Amino acid sequence: MSTLKELVEQLPPDLQDEARVFVEFLLEKKARKKERKLRQDWAGALRGYRDQYTSLELQKKALEWRGD
């Protein structure tokens, strides 16, 4: 089985450039995934309802409000 380098070398120069650009895109995409942090800005958003509903009722109500 050929290596990626060997396969790319078989391509004409314009397609080698296209392959390089695609590989750079994949590397950038991978780097962006690592940078992403877990968002928790929603935490505590329903705190004001804890005296009105049980946790199960609040869960169901939240789904209603979201439209699920």
C-alpha atoms as a PDB file:
ATOM      1  CA  MET A   1       0.000   0.000   0.000  1.00  0.00           C
ATOM      2  CA  SER A   2       1.320   3.436  -0.952  1.00  0.00           C
ATOM      3  CA  THR A   3       1.934   6.167   1.580  1.00  0.00           C
ATOM      4  CA  LEU A   4       0.095   9.443   1.338  1.00  0.00           C
ATOM      5  CA  LYS A   5       3.284  11.169   0.201  1.00  0.00           C
ATOM      6  CA  GLU A   6       3.769   8.651  -2.614  1.00  0.00           C
ATOM      7  CA  LEU A   7       0.179   9.048  -3.762  1.00  0.00           C
ATOM      8  CA  VAL A   8       0.376  12.851  -3.764  1.00  0.00           C
ATOM      9  CA  GLU A   9       3.642  12.750  -5.714  1.00  0.00           C
ATOM     10  CA  GLN A  10       1.823  10.869  -8.496  1.00  0.00           C
ATOM     11  CA  LEU A  11      -0.591  13.775  -8.949  1.00  0.00           C
ATOM     12  CA  PRO A  12       0.022  16.641 -11.380  1.00  0.00           C
ATOM     13  CA  PRO A  13       1.305  19.856  -9.712  1.00  0.00           C
ATOM     14  CA  ASP A  14      -2.092  21.602  -9.660  1.00  0.00           C
ATOM     15  CA  LEU A  15      -3.700  18.661  -7.866  1.00  0.00           C
ATOM     16  CA  GLN A  16      -0.753  18.427  -5.473  1.00  0.00           C
ATOM     17  CA  ASP A  17      -1.490  22.028  -4.491  1.00  0.00           C
ATOM     18  CA  GLU A  18      -5.152  21.156  -4.011  1.00  0.00           C
ATOM     19  CA  ALA A  19      -4.207  18.171  -1.811  1.00  0.00           C
ATOM     20  CA  ARG A  20      -1.907  20.410   0.263  1.00  0.00           C
ATOM     21  CA  VAL A  21      -4.677  22.975   0.774  1.00  0.00           C
ATOM     22  CA  PHE A  22      -7.090  20.216   1.841  1.00  0.00           C
ATOM     23  CA  VAL A  23      -4.610  18.752   4.331  1.00  0.00           C
ATOM     24  CA  GLU A  24      -4.015  22.231   5.785  1.00  0.00           C
ATOM     25  CA  PHE A  25      -7.786  22.619   6.138  1.00  0.00           C
ATOM     26  CA  LEU A  26      -8.024  19.307   8.014  1.00  0.00           C
ATOM     27  CA  LEU A  27      -5.217  20.343  10.360  1.00  0.00           C
ATOM     28  CA  GLU A  28      -6.926  23.678  11.099  1.00  0.00           C
ATOM     29  CA  LYS A  29     -10.228  21.889  11.703  1.00  0.00           C
ATOM     30  CA  LYS A  30      -8.535  19.528  14.168  1.00  0.00           C
ATOM     31  CA  ALA A  31      -6.902  22.452  15.979  1.00  0.00           C
ATOM     32  CA  ARG A  32     -10.254  24.272  16.270  1.00  0.00           C
ATOM     33  CA  LYS A  33     -11.853  21.237  17.917  1.00  0.00           C
ATOM     34  CA  LYS A  34      -9.185  21.193  20.618  1.00  0.00           C
ATOM     35  CA  GLU A  35      -9.684  24.890  21.383  1.00  0.00           C
ATOM     36  CA  ARG A  36     -13.403  24.526  21.993  1.00  0.00           C
ATOM     37  CA  LYS A  37     -14.341  24.607  25.675  1.00  0.00           C
ATOM     38  CA  LEU A  38     -17.510  23.312  27.234  1.00  0.00           C
ATOM     39  CA  ARG A  39     -20.060  26.095  27.539  1.00  0.00           C
ATOM     40  CA  GLN A  40     -22.008  26.197  30.775  1.00  0.00           C
ATOM     41  CA  ASP A  41     -23.440  29.685  30.601  1.00  0.00           C
ATOM     42  CA  TRP A  42     -26.903  28.147  30.943  1.00  0.00           C
ATOM     43  CA  ALA A  43     -26.128  26.691  34.389  1.00  0.00           C
ATOM     44  CA  GLY A  44     -28.523  27.952  37.015  1.00  0.00           C
ATOM     45  CA  ALA A  45     -30.844  29.566  34.484  1.00  0.00           C
ATOM     46  CA  LEU A  46     -33.896  27.839  35.979  1.00  0.00           C
ATOM     47  CA  ARG A  47     -32.959  28.510  39.604  1.00  0.00           C
ATOM     48  CA  GLY A  48     -35.933  30.821  40.089  1.00  0.00           C
ATOM     49  CA  TYR A  49     -38.342  27.948  39.466  1.00  0.00           C
ATOM     50  CA  ARG A  50     -37.005  25.474  42.006  1.00  0.00           C
ATOM     51  CA  ASP A  51     -39.649  26.368  44.586  1.00  0.00           C
ATOM     52  CA  GLN A  52     -42.474  25.985  42.051  1.00  0.00           C
ATOM     53  CA  TYR A  53     -41.544  22.625  40.527  1.00  0.00           C
ATOM     54  CA  THR A  54     -39.897  19.358  41.487  1.00  0.00           C
ATOM     55  CA  SER A  55     -36.754  18.511  39.543  1.00  0.00           C
ATOM     56  CA  LEU A  56     -38.704  16.149  37.275  1.00  0.00           C
ATOM     57  CA  GLU A  57     -41.454  18.699  36.649  1.00  0.00           C
ATOM     58  CA  LEU A  58     -38.841  21.345  35.943  1.00  0.00           C
ATOM     59  CA  GLN A  59     -37.112  19.051  33.464  1.00  0.00           C
ATOM     60  CA  LYS A  60     -40.391  18.460  31.630  1.00  0.00           C
ATOM     61  CA  LYS A  61     -41.243  22.167  31.723  1.00  0.00           C
ATOM     62  CA  ALA A  62     -37.827  23.079  30.309  1.00  0.00           C
ATOM     63  CA  LEU A  63     -38.430  20.694  27.409  1.00  0.00           C
ATOM     64  CA  GLU A  64     -41.788  22.360  26.777  1.00  0.00           C
ATOM     65  CA  TRP A  65     -40.199  25.809  26.789  1.00  0.00           C
ATOM     66  CA  ARG A  66     -37.509  24.667  24.354  1.00  0.00           C
ATOM     67  CA  GLY A  67     -40.155  23.181  22.083  1.00  0.00           C
ATOM     68  CA  ASP A  68     -38.947  19.559  22.337  1.00  0.00           C
END
